[in-house]
């Protein structure tokens, strides 16, 4: 779903004015990179990547989700729960 969102936003940017879309697209791409860093075991780099993503666009539910995961793995359950709540507000509502 994240890859599809990146493709949709990239296509939309080609059709019209960039506006804040560039930051949103950059944030989504960082979120995808964060997932890859988590998969490779680079949690410190993943945390930095997710933090950068949410600093670019606070509406990136994927970045909040990966940030929550890293905090969960680090044993910071309270912070992880806060980030999960933010992720839920911003992730697509799939049926």
Protein backbone atom coordinates (compact mmCIF):
# COMPACT_ATOMS: atom_id res chain seq x y z
CA UNK A 1 0.00 0.00 0.00
CA UNK A 2 2.90 2.36 0.73
CA UNK A 3 4.41 1.78 -2.71
CA UNK A 4 1.03 2.46 -4.34
CA UNK A 5 0.69 5.71 -2.40
CA UNK A 6 4.15 6.82 -3.54
CA UNK A 7 3.29 6.06 -7.17
CA UNK A 8 -0.06 7.88 -6.93
CA UNK A 9 1.50 11.02 -5.47
CA UNK A 10 4.42 10.97 -7.94
CA UNK A 11 1.96 10.76 -10.83
CA UNK A 12 -0.13 13.59 -9.39
CA UNK A 13 2.95 15.83 -9.14
CA UNK A 14 3.65 15.32 -12.84
CA UNK A 15 0.17 16.61 -13.70
CA UNK A 16 0.03 19.82 -11.72
CA UNK A 17 1.69 22.28 -9.36
CA UNK A 18 4.04 20.77 -6.82
CA UNK A 19 3.03 22.74 -3.70
CA UNK A 20 3.37 20.71 -0.53
CA UNK A 21 3.23 17.51 -2.58
CA UNK A 22 7.01 17.40 -2.84
CA UNK A 23 7.41 17.23 0.94
CA UNK A 24 4.69 14.61 1.20
CA UNK A 25 6.27 12.47 -1.51
CA UNK A 26 9.73 12.84 0.06
CA UNK A 27 8.27 11.81 3.42
CA UNK A 28 6.61 8.72 1.93
CA UNK A 29 9.84 7.73 0.22
CA UNK A 30 11.70 8.11 3.53
CA UNK A 31 9.04 5.92 5.17
CA UNK A 32 9.69 3.24 2.56
CA UNK A 33 13.41 3.58 3.22
CA UNK A 34 12.73 3.30 6.95
CA UNK A 35 10.99 -0.01 6.40
CA UNK A 36 14.00 -1.27 4.47
CA UNK A 37 16.34 -0.15 7.27
CA UNK A 38 14.21 -1.99 9.83
CA UNK A 39 14.29 -5.13 7.68
CA UNK A 40 18.10 -4.91 7.52
CA UNK A 41 18.37 -4.52 11.31
CA UNK A 42 19.56 -0.90 11.25
CA UNK A 43 17.21 0.40 13.93
CA UNK A 44 19.17 3.58 14.73
CA UNK A 45 19.18 4.59 11.07
CA UNK A 46 15.52 3.61 10.75
CA UNK A 47 14.63 5.83 13.69
CA UNK A 48 16.46 8.79 12.14
CA UNK A 49 14.79 8.17 8.79
CA UNK A 50 11.29 8.01 10.32
CA UNK A 51 11.92 11.13 12.39
CA UNK A 52 13.03 12.98 9.26
CA UNK A 53 9.93 11.76 7.41
CA UNK A 54 7.51 13.05 10.05
CA UNK A 55 9.42 16.32 10.25
CA UNK A 56 8.82 16.80 6.52
CA UNK A 57 5.15 15.83 6.68
CA UNK A 58 3.38 15.11 9.95
CA UNK A 59 0.55 13.43 8.05
CA UNK A 60 2.69 10.46 6.99
CA UNK A 61 1.01 7.57 8.78
CA UNK A 62 3.59 5.11 7.49
CA UNK A 63 6.45 7.05 9.06
CA UNK A 64 4.58 7.25 12.37
CA UNK A 65 4.00 3.48 12.19
CA UNK A 66 7.68 2.68 11.64
CA UNK A 67 8.68 5.15 14.35
CA UNK A 68 6.28 3.38 16.70
CA UNK A 69 7.81 0.03 15.80
CA UNK A 70 11.35 1.20 16.53
CA UNK A 71 10.28 2.61 19.90
CA UNK A 72 8.48 -0.64 20.69
CA UNK A 73 11.63 -2.66 19.94
CA UNK A 74 13.62 -0.26 22.12
CA UNK A 75 11.24 -0.98 25.00
CA UNK A 76 9.56 2.44 24.97
CA UNK A 77 5.97 1.21 25.03
CA UNK A 78 4.38 4.51 26.04
CA UNK A 79 6.07 6.44 23.23
CA UNK A 80 5.30 3.62 20.77
CA UNK A 81 1.60 3.75 21.71
CA UNK A 82 1.55 7.51 21.12
CA UNK A 83 3.06 7.04 17.67
CA UNK A 84 0.64 4.21 16.83
CA UNK A 85 -2.24 6.56 17.62
CA UNK A 86 -0.78 9.14 15.22
CA UNK A 87 -0.29 6.45 12.56
CA UNK A 88 -3.93 5.37 12.86
CA UNK A 89 -5.10 8.94 12.27
CA UNK A 90 -3.08 9.23 9.08
CA UNK A 91 -2.96 5.77 7.50
CA UNK A 92 -5.35 5.01 4.63
CA UNK A 93 -8.64 3.52 5.73
CA UNK A 94 -8.54 0.17 3.91
CA UNK A 95 -11.59 -2.06 4.06
